[in-house]
Amino acid sequence: MLNTFSEVGISTAIVTGAGSGIGRAVALRLRSKGWKVALVGRRAKSLEETATLMHEGPEGEGYMVLPADVSRESEVRRLVQQVRTKWGRIDALINNAGVAPLLPIEATTMELLEEVFGANTFGPALLIAAVLPIFNEQGGHGTVINISSLAARDPFPGFFVYAASKAALESLARSIRNEVPSVTTFNLRVGAADTDMIRGIFTKDQLAGFTLLSPDRVARTVVDCIEGKVDPTDGTIEITA
């Protein structure tokens, strides 16, 4: 039997990369369902724009704007503590923030590896480590959703580092499933979505052959997973249309 958010008292979510694209769509959809949402990202202005779309005043009780670089442990611990202090609990973590440079394999440098793995893998790992003790204090329940990519299993040329970072991200969820089975985990492998990130790395001509996913299409699946409408047995879902 699937747990629903009402059964385990889920009400508060942290969404990274909430300033645009999939993260923004997830945050808006969760807030529309009455969730309290912590908006996390590097750009405060973009997060404020997301908050404005929630149609609440600047003092709205249903959201927090938390600019942060999740690849920095001190910033992760700070933002998690801020959420807990304000709302008293954390019930869902959506690891969506990421970077996706399109470069040939021979362009790989240590700086590039640190940048990509920092945003796509190390940041989510730090967040998971910070919220798990809170989940445990709440009876062991909680949900972690990692926004991965089809590139994790079938890398597009130029995604040498990006694909590896997403494959590592997926491994984090599998470790949670084995070590803390009471926590619900999902890896969502997303195809090409209509976001600023993908339009920033591919030209119009390159995108002409793709049917881009709506960010809200992904957001609907995220919410369905959190609400217990999706069987978590496998834990990996591919979203291609």
C-alpha atoms as a PDB file:
ATOM      1  CA  MET A   1       0.000   0.000   0.000  1.00  0.00           C
ATOM      2  CA  LEU A   2       1.373   3.398  -0.961  1.00  0.00           C
ATOM      3  CA  ASN A   3       1.783   6.110   1.639  1.00  0.00           C
ATOM      4  CA  THR A   4       0.056   9.367   0.804  1.00  0.00           C
ATOM      5  CA  PHE A   5       1.265  12.732   1.969  1.00  0.00           C
ATOM      6  CA  SER A   6      -1.758  13.074   4.242  1.00  0.00           C
ATOM      7  CA  GLU A   7      -0.994   9.753   5.929  1.00  0.00           C
ATOM      8  CA  VAL A   8       2.558  10.741   6.838  1.00  0.00           C
ATOM      9  CA  GLY A   9       1.826  14.427   7.468  1.00  0.00           C
ATOM     10  CA  ILE A  10       3.766  15.776   4.534  1.00  0.00           C
ATOM     11  CA  SER A  11       3.432  19.529   4.222  1.00  0.00           C
ATOM     12  CA  THR A  12       6.863  21.090   3.713  1.00  0.00           C
ATOM     13  CA  ALA A  13       9.193  20.708   0.737  1.00  0.00           C
ATOM     14  CA  ILE A  14      12.609  21.983  -0.289  1.00  0.00           C
ATOM     15  CA  VAL A  15      12.907  22.524  -4.045  1.00  0.00           C
ATOM     16  CA  THR A  16      16.317  23.333  -5.495  1.00  0.00           C
ATOM     17  CA  GLY A  17      16.700  25.158  -8.771  1.00  0.00           C
ATOM     18  CA  ALA A  18      13.335  26.770  -8.016  1.00  0.00           C
ATOM     19  CA  GLY A  19      14.083  29.961  -9.912  1.00  0.00           C
ATOM     20  CA  SER A  20      13.146  28.629 -13.343  1.00  0.00           C
ATOM     21  CA  GLY A  21      12.169  25.644 -15.465  1.00  0.00           C
ATOM     22  CA  ILE A  22      11.283  22.372 -13.780  1.00  0.00           C
ATOM     23  CA  GLY A  23      12.095  23.628 -10.285  1.00  0.00           C
ATOM     24  CA  ARG A  24       9.759  26.585 -10.639  1.00  0.00           C
ATOM     25  CA  ALA A  25       6.991  24.371 -12.039  1.00  0.00           C
ATOM     26  CA  VAL A  26       7.362  21.927  -9.134  1.00  0.00           C
ATOM     27  CA  ALA A  27       7.311  24.715  -6.550  1.00  0.00           C
ATOM     28  CA  LEU A  28       4.200  26.327  -8.038  1.00  0.00           C
ATOM     29  CA  ARG A  29       2.335  23.045  -8.287  1.00  0.00           C
ATOM     30  CA  LEU A  30       3.163  22.067  -4.710  1.00  0.00           C
ATOM     31  CA  ARG A  31       2.167  25.471  -3.377  1.00  0.00           C
ATOM     32  CA  SER A  32      -1.136  25.306  -5.292  1.00  0.00           C
ATOM     33  CA  LYS A  33      -1.881  22.134  -3.323  1.00  0.00           C
ATOM     34  CA  GLY A  34      -1.266  23.830   0.005  1.00  0.00           C
ATOM     35  CA  TRP A  35       2.336  22.818   0.573  1.00  0.00           C
ATOM     36  CA  LYS A  36       4.844  25.087   2.246  1.00  0.00           C
ATOM     37  CA  VAL A  37       7.760  25.407  -0.164  1.00  0.00           C
ATOM     38  CA  ALA A  38      11.363  26.473   0.379  1.00  0.00           C
ATOM     39  CA  LEU A  39      12.625  27.995  -2.872  1.00  0.00           C
ATOM     40  CA  VAL A  40      16.347  27.315  -3.213  1.00  0.00           C
ATOM     41  CA  GLY A  41      18.716  28.483  -5.933  1.00  0.00           C
ATOM     42  CA  ARG A  42      21.741  30.622  -6.622  1.00  0.00           C
ATOM     43  CA  ARG A  43      19.901  33.632  -8.041  1.00  0.00           C
ATOM     44  CA  ALA A  44      17.750  35.507  -5.534  1.00  0.00           C
ATOM     45  CA  LYS A  45      15.997  37.523  -8.258  1.00  0.00           C
ATOM     46  CA  SER A  46      14.773  34.391 -10.042  1.00  0.00           C
ATOM     47  CA  LEU A  47      13.541  32.895  -6.778  1.00  0.00           C
ATOM     48  CA  GLU A  48      11.635  36.099  -6.016  1.00  0.00           C
ATOM     49  CA  GLU A  49      10.019  35.868  -9.452  1.00  0.00           C
ATOM     50  CA  THR A  50       8.853  32.346  -8.638  1.00  0.00           C
ATOM     51  CA  ALA A  51       7.471  33.586  -5.321  1.00  0.00           C
ATOM     52  CA  THR A  52       5.569  36.349  -7.111  1.00  0.00           C
ATOM     53  CA  LEU A  53       3.871  33.749  -9.300  1.00  0.00           C
ATOM     54  CA  MET A  54       2.461  32.133  -6.158  1.00  0.00           C
ATOM     55  CA  HIS A  55       0.170  35.159  -5.823  1.00  0.00           C
ATOM     56  CA  GLU A  56       1.044  35.701  -2.203  1.00  0.00           C
ATOM     57  CA  GLY A  57       2.383  38.874  -0.691  1.00  0.00           C
ATOM     58  CA  PRO A  58       6.064  39.264   0.200  1.00  0.00           C
ATOM     59  CA  GLU A  59       5.238  38.072   3.709  1.00  0.00           C
ATOM     60  CA  GLY A  60       3.492  34.936   2.453  1.00  0.00           C
ATOM     61  CA  GLU A  61       3.631  32.131   4.987  1.00  0.00           C
ATOM     62  CA  GLY A  62       3.579  29.449   2.328  1.00  0.00           C
ATOM     63  CA  TYR A  63       7.080  29.915   0.967  1.00  0.00           C
ATOM     64  CA  MET A  64      10.628  30.876   1.819  1.00  0.00           C
ATOM     65  CA  VAL A  65      13.186  32.347  -0.575  1.00  0.00           C
ATOM     66  CA  LEU A  66      16.587  30.873   0.251  1.00  0.00           C
ATOM     67  CA  PRO A  67      19.435  31.848  -2.093  1.00  0.00           C
ATOM     68  CA  ALA A  68      22.186  29.285  -1.683  1.00  0.00           C
ATOM     69  CA  ASP A  69      24.908  27.352  -3.450  1.00  0.00           C
ATOM     70  CA  VAL A  70      24.038  23.770  -2.532  1.00  0.00           C
ATOM     71  CA  SER A  71      27.541  22.566  -3.373  1.00  0.00           C
ATOM     72  CA  ARG A  72      28.715  24.339  -0.195  1.00  0.00           C
ATOM     73  CA  GLU A  73      28.121  22.333   2.956  1.00  0.00           C
ATOM     74  CA  SER A  74      27.771  25.377   5.208  1.00  0.00           C
ATOM     75  CA  GLU A  75      25.049  26.834   2.990  1.00  0.00           C
ATOM     76  CA  VAL A  76      23.176  23.527   2.873  1.00  0.00           C
ATOM     77  CA  ARG A  77      23.156  23.229   6.650  1.00  0.00           C
ATOM     78  CA  ARG A  78      22.065  26.841   6.988  1.00  0.00           C
ATOM     79  CA  LEU A  79      19.115  26.541   4.617  1.00  0.00           C
ATOM     80  CA  VAL A  80      17.916  23.236   6.090  1.00  0.00           C
ATOM     81  CA  GLN A  81      18.014  24.733   9.573  1.00  0.00           C
ATOM     82  CA  GLN A  82      16.119  27.819   8.379  1.00  0.00           C
ATOM     83  CA  VAL A  83      13.328  25.666   6.957  1.00  0.00           C
ATOM     84  CA  ARG A  84      13.090  23.577  10.075  1.00  0.00           C
ATOM     85  CA  THR A  85      13.106  26.626  12.349  1.00  0.00           C
ATOM     86  CA  LYS A  86      10.335  28.336  10.404  1.00  0.00           C
ATOM     87  CA  TRP A  87       8.025  25.377   9.789  1.00  0.00           C
ATOM     88  CA  GLY A  88       9.124  22.759  12.291  1.00  0.00           C
ATOM     89  CA  ARG A  89       9.497  19.912   9.802  1.00  0.00           C
ATOM     90  CA  ILE A  90      10.736  18.882   6.368  1.00  0.00           C
ATOM     91  CA  ASP A  91       8.857  16.212   4.463  1.00  0.00           C
ATOM     92  CA  ALA A  92      10.130  16.243   0.891  1.00  0.00           C
ATOM     93  CA  LEU A  93      13.358  17.131  -0.864  1.00  0.00           C
ATOM     94  CA  ILE A  94      13.363  17.704  -4.614  1.00  0.00           C
ATOM     95  CA  ASN A  95      16.929  17.776  -5.957  1.00  0.00           C
ATOM     96  CA  ASN A  96      16.465  19.620  -9.209  1.00  0.00           C
ATOM     97  CA  ALA A  97      19.266  22.200  -9.421  1.00  0.00           C
ATOM     98  CA  GLY A  98      21.962  21.369 -11.917  1.00  0.00           C
ATOM     99  CA  VAL A  99      24.295  22.432 -14.681  1.00  0.00           C
ATOM    100  CA  ALA A 100      24.787  20.793 -18.068  1.00  0.00           C
ATOM    101  CA  PRO A 101      27.809  21.958 -20.072  1.00  0.00           C
ATOM    102  CA  LEU A 102      28.033  20.472 -23.555  1.00  0.00           C
ATOM    103  CA  LEU A 103      31.712  19.776 -24.183  1.00  0.00           C
ATOM    104  CA  PRO A 104      33.845  17.123 -25.891  1.00  0.00           C
ATOM    105  CA  ILE A 105      35.514  14.568 -23.653  1.00  0.00           C
ATOM    106  CA  GLU A 106      38.968  16.031 -24.234  1.00  0.00           C
ATOM    107  CA  ALA A 107      37.809  19.362 -22.772  1.00  0.00           C
ATOM    108  CA  THR A 108      37.380  17.775 -19.333  1.00  0.00           C
ATOM    109  CA  THR A 109      39.284  19.513 -16.549  1.00  0.00           C
ATOM    110  CA  MET A 110      39.272  19.228 -12.777  1.00  0.00           C
ATOM    111  CA  GLU A 111      37.532  22.604 -12.626  1.00  0.00           C
ATOM    112  CA  LEU A 112      34.748  21.317 -14.869  1.00  0.00           C
ATOM    113  CA  LEU A 113      34.367  18.117 -12.848  1.00  0.00           C
ATOM    114  CA  GLU A 114      34.135  20.068  -9.608  1.00  0.00           C
ATOM    115  CA  GLU A 115      31.564  22.472 -11.055  1.00  0.00           C
ATOM    116  CA  VAL A 116      29.273  19.818 -12.540  1.00  0.00           C
ATOM    117  CA  PHE A 117      29.515  17.222  -9.784  1.00  0.00           C
ATOM    118  CA  GLY A 118      29.257  19.997  -7.196  1.00  0.00           C
ATOM    119  CA  ALA A 119      25.866  21.105  -8.494  1.00  0.00           C
ATOM    120  CA  ASN A 120      24.478  17.799  -9.768  1.00  0.00           C
ATOM    121  CA  THR A 121      25.772  15.264  -7.239  1.00  0.00           C
ATOM    122  CA  PHE A 122      27.597  16.710  -4.226  1.00  0.00           C
ATOM    123  CA  GLY A 123      24.870  19.275  -3.487  1.00  0.00           C
ATOM    124  CA  PRO A 124      22.080  16.672  -3.491  1.00  0.00           C
ATOM    125  CA  ALA A 125      24.235  14.362  -1.351  1.00  0.00           C
ATOM    126  CA  LEU A 126      24.763  17.126   1.219  1.00  0.00           C
ATOM    127  CA  LEU A 127      21.054  17.932   1.262  1.00  0.00           C
ATOM    128  CA  ILE A 128      20.085  14.294   1.698  1.00  0.00           C
ATOM    129  CA  ALA A 129      22.546  13.929   4.571  1.00  0.00           C
ATOM    130  CA  ALA A 130      21.097  17.053   6.221  1.00  0.00           C
ATOM    131  CA  VAL A 131      17.405  16.105   5.932  1.00  0.00           C
ATOM    132  CA  LEU A 132      17.585  12.395   6.795  1.00  0.00           C
ATOM    133  CA  PRO A 133      18.003  13.002  10.542  1.00  0.00           C
ATOM    134  CA  ILE A 134      14.912  15.222  10.393  1.00  0.00           C
ATOM    135  CA  PHE A 135      12.975  12.509   8.563  1.00  0.00           C
ATOM    136  CA  ASN A 136      14.038  10.058  11.280  1.00  0.00           C
ATOM    137  CA  GLU A 137      12.786  12.350  14.030  1.00  0.00           C
ATOM    138  CA  GLN A 138       9.439  12.506  12.216  1.00  0.00           C
ATOM    139  CA  GLY A 139       8.995   8.753  12.335  1.00  0.00           C
ATOM    140  CA  GLY A 140      11.326   7.856   9.498  1.00  0.00           C
ATOM    141  CA  HIS A 141       9.033   9.104   6.750  1.00  0.00           C
ATOM    142  CA  GLY A 142       9.969  11.488   3.981  1.00  0.00           C
ATOM    143  CA  THR A 143      10.430  11.667   0.238  1.00  0.00           C
ATOM    144  CA  VAL A 144      13.535  12.367  -1.842  1.00  0.00           C
ATOM    145  CA  ILE A 145      13.126  12.968  -5.557  1.00  0.00           C
ATOM    146  CA  ASN A 146      16.149  13.385  -7.794  1.00  0.00           C
ATOM    147  CA  ILE A 147      15.607  15.034 -11.157  1.00  0.00           C
ATOM    148  CA  SER A 148      17.918  13.001 -13.351  1.00  0.00           C
ATOM    149  CA  SER A 149      18.235  12.720 -17.118  1.00  0.00           C
ATOM    150  CA  LEU A 150      17.961  10.142 -19.853  1.00  0.00           C
ATOM    151  CA  ALA A 151      21.642  10.929 -20.326  1.00  0.00           C
ATOM    152  CA  ALA A 152      22.337   8.927 -17.169  1.00  0.00           C
ATOM    153  CA  ARG A 153      21.820   5.724 -19.171  1.00  0.00           C
ATOM    154  CA  ASP A 154      22.349   6.966 -22.743  1.00  0.00           C
ATOM    155  CA  PRO A 155      24.690   9.982 -22.842  1.00  0.00           C
ATOM    156  CA  PHE A 156      24.264  12.461 -25.686  1.00  0.00           C
ATOM    157  CA  PRO A 157      27.642  13.342 -27.278  1.00  0.00           C
ATOM    158  CA  GLY A 158      29.122  16.185 -25.273  1.00  0.00           C
ATOM    159  CA  PHE A 159      27.535  15.088 -21.989  1.00  0.00           C
ATOM    160  CA  PHE A 160      30.567  13.111 -20.789  1.00  0.00           C
ATOM    161  CA  VAL A 161      30.704  14.829 -17.371  1.00  0.00           C
ATOM    162  CA  TYR A 162      27.014  15.736 -17.081  1.00  0.00           C
ATOM    163  CA  ALA A 163      25.848  12.169 -17.724  1.00  0.00           C
ATOM    164  CA  ALA A 164      28.302  10.763 -15.185  1.00  0.00           C
ATOM    165  CA  SER A 165      27.112  13.242 -12.549  1.00  0.00           C
ATOM    166  CA  LYS A 166      23.479  12.248 -13.125  1.00  0.00           C
ATOM    167  CA  ALA A 167      24.326   8.538 -12.953  1.00  0.00           C
ATOM    168  CA  ALA A 168      26.001   9.231  -9.613  1.00  0.00           C
ATOM    169  CA  LEU A 169      22.938  11.209  -8.500  1.00  0.00           C
ATOM    170  CA  GLU A 170      20.766   8.164  -9.178  1.00  0.00           C
ATOM    171  CA  SER A 171      23.079   6.029  -7.082  1.00  0.00           C
ATOM    172  CA  LEU A 172      22.369   8.266  -4.084  1.00  0.00           C
ATOM    173  CA  ALA A 173      18.697   7.303  -4.215  1.00  0.00           C
ATOM    174  CA  ARG A 174      19.517   3.611  -4.466  1.00  0.00           C
ATOM    175  CA  SER A 175      21.693   3.912  -1.368  1.00  0.00           C
ATOM    176  CA  ILE A 176      18.832   5.523   0.551  1.00  0.00           C
ATOM    177  CA  ARG A 177      16.509   2.691  -0.488  1.00  0.00           C
ATOM    178  CA  ASN A 178      18.960   0.105   0.854  1.00  0.00           C
ATOM    179  CA  GLU A 179      19.958   1.938   4.032  1.00  0.00           C
ATOM    180  CA  VAL A 180      16.774   3.802   5.013  1.00  0.00           C
ATOM    181  CA  PRO A 181      13.888   1.935   3.335  1.00  0.00           C
ATOM    182  CA  SER A 182      11.228   3.943   5.198  1.00  0.00           C
ATOM    183  CA  VAL A 183      12.172   6.982   3.086  1.00  0.00           C
ATOM    184  CA  THR A 184      10.516   7.036  -0.331  1.00  0.00           C
ATOM    185  CA  THR A 185      12.911   7.759  -3.181  1.00  0.00           C
ATOM    186  CA  PHE A 186      12.542   8.354  -6.886  1.00  0.00           C
ATOM    187  CA  ASN A 187      14.906   9.084  -9.757  1.00  0.00           C
ATOM    188  CA  LEU A 188      13.072  10.867 -12.554  1.00  0.00           C
ATOM    189  CA  ARG A 189      14.972  10.522 -15.817  1.00  0.00           C
ATOM    190  CA  VAL A 190      13.747  13.469 -17.818  1.00  0.00           C
ATOM    191  CA  GLY A 191      14.067  13.856 -21.561  1.00  0.00           C
ATOM    192  CA  ALA A 192      14.645  17.202 -23.261  1.00  0.00           C
ATOM    193  CA  ALA A 193      12.545  19.743 -21.355  1.00  0.00           C
ATOM    194  CA  ASP A 194      11.698  23.246 -22.470  1.00  0.00           C
ATOM    195  CA  THR A 195      13.956  25.106 -20.060  1.00  0.00           C
ATOM    196  CA  ASP A 196      16.435  27.971 -20.188  1.00  0.00           C
ATOM    197  CA  MET A 197      19.211  25.468 -19.525  1.00  0.00           C
ATOM    198  CA  ILE A 198      18.566  23.327 -22.583  1.00  0.00           C
ATOM    199  CA  ARG A 199      18.005  26.354 -24.813  1.00  0.00           C
ATOM    200  CA  GLY A 200      21.309  27.684 -23.568  1.00  0.00           C
ATOM    201  CA  ILE A 201      23.328  24.652 -24.675  1.00  0.00           C
ATOM    202  CA  PHE A 202      21.576  23.654 -27.919  1.00  0.00           C
ATOM    203  CA  THR A 203      20.847  25.805 -30.960  1.00  0.00           C
ATOM    204  CA  LYS A 204      17.387  26.124 -32.489  1.00  0.00           C
ATOM    205  CA  ASP A 205      18.470  23.837 -35.316  1.00  0.00           C
ATOM    206  CA  GLN A 206      19.688  21.172 -32.884  1.00  0.00           C
ATOM    207  CA  LEU A 207      16.407  21.307 -30.979  1.00  0.00           C
ATOM    208  CA  ALA A 208      14.302  21.112 -34.135  1.00  0.00           C
ATOM    209  CA  GLY A 209      14.266  17.314 -34.020  1.00  0.00           C
ATOM    210  CA  PHE A 210      13.121  17.134 -30.413  1.00  0.00           C
ATOM    211  CA  THR A 211       9.690  17.384 -28.851  1.00  0.00           C
ATOM    212  CA  LEU A 212      10.460  19.357 -25.726  1.00  0.00           C
ATOM    213  CA  LEU A 213       8.718  18.395 -22.517  1.00  0.00           C
ATOM    214  CA  SER A 214       6.747  20.987 -20.622  1.00  0.00           C
ATOM    215  CA  PRO A 215       8.303  21.645 -17.180  1.00  0.00           C
ATOM    216  CA  ASP A 216       4.802  21.276 -15.737  1.00  0.00           C
ATOM    217  CA  ARG A 217       4.595  17.761 -17.198  1.00  0.00           C
ATOM    218  CA  VAL A 218       7.582  16.842 -15.053  1.00  0.00           C
ATOM    219  CA  ALA A 219       6.147  18.727 -12.074  1.00  0.00           C
ATOM    220  CA  ARG A 220       2.931  16.710 -12.233  1.00  0.00           C
ATOM    221  CA  THR A 221       4.921  13.501 -11.976  1.00  0.00           C
ATOM    222  CA  VAL A 222       6.938  14.858  -9.062  1.00  0.00           C
ATOM    223  CA  VAL A 223       3.761  15.692  -7.139  1.00  0.00           C
ATOM    224  CA  ASP A 224       2.207  12.325  -7.996  1.00  0.00           C
ATOM    225  CA  CYS A 225       5.288  10.602  -6.574  1.00  0.00           C
ATOM    226  CA  ILE A 226       5.141  12.614  -3.359  1.00  0.00           C
ATOM    227  CA  GLU A 227       1.409  12.071  -2.952  1.00  0.00           C
ATOM    228  CA  GLY A 228       1.797   8.298  -3.245  1.00  0.00           C
ATOM    229  CA  LYS A 229       0.099   7.988  -6.622  1.00  0.00           C
ATOM    230  CA  VAL A 230       3.138   6.270  -8.148  1.00  0.00           C
ATOM    231  CA  ASP A 231       4.397   2.852  -7.040  1.00  0.00           C
ATOM    232  CA  PRO A 232       7.890   3.407  -5.603  1.00  0.00           C
ATOM    233  CA  THR A 233       8.929  -0.246  -6.000  1.00  0.00           C
ATOM    234  CA  ASP A 234      11.413   0.407  -8.790  1.00  0.00           C
ATOM    235  CA  GLY A 235      12.070   4.039  -7.991  1.00  0.00           C
ATOM    236  CA  THR A 236      13.168   5.071 -11.489  1.00  0.00           C
ATOM    237  CA  ILE A 237      10.756   6.739 -13.884  1.00  0.00           C
ATOM    238  CA  GLU A 238      11.526   7.920 -17.407  1.00  0.00           C
ATOM    239  CA  ILE A 239       9.605  10.928 -18.687  1.00  0.00           C
ATOM    240  CA  THR A 240       9.827  11.316 -22.432  1.00  0.00           C
ATOM    241  CA  ALA A 241       6.421  12.670 -23.434  1.00  0.00           C
END
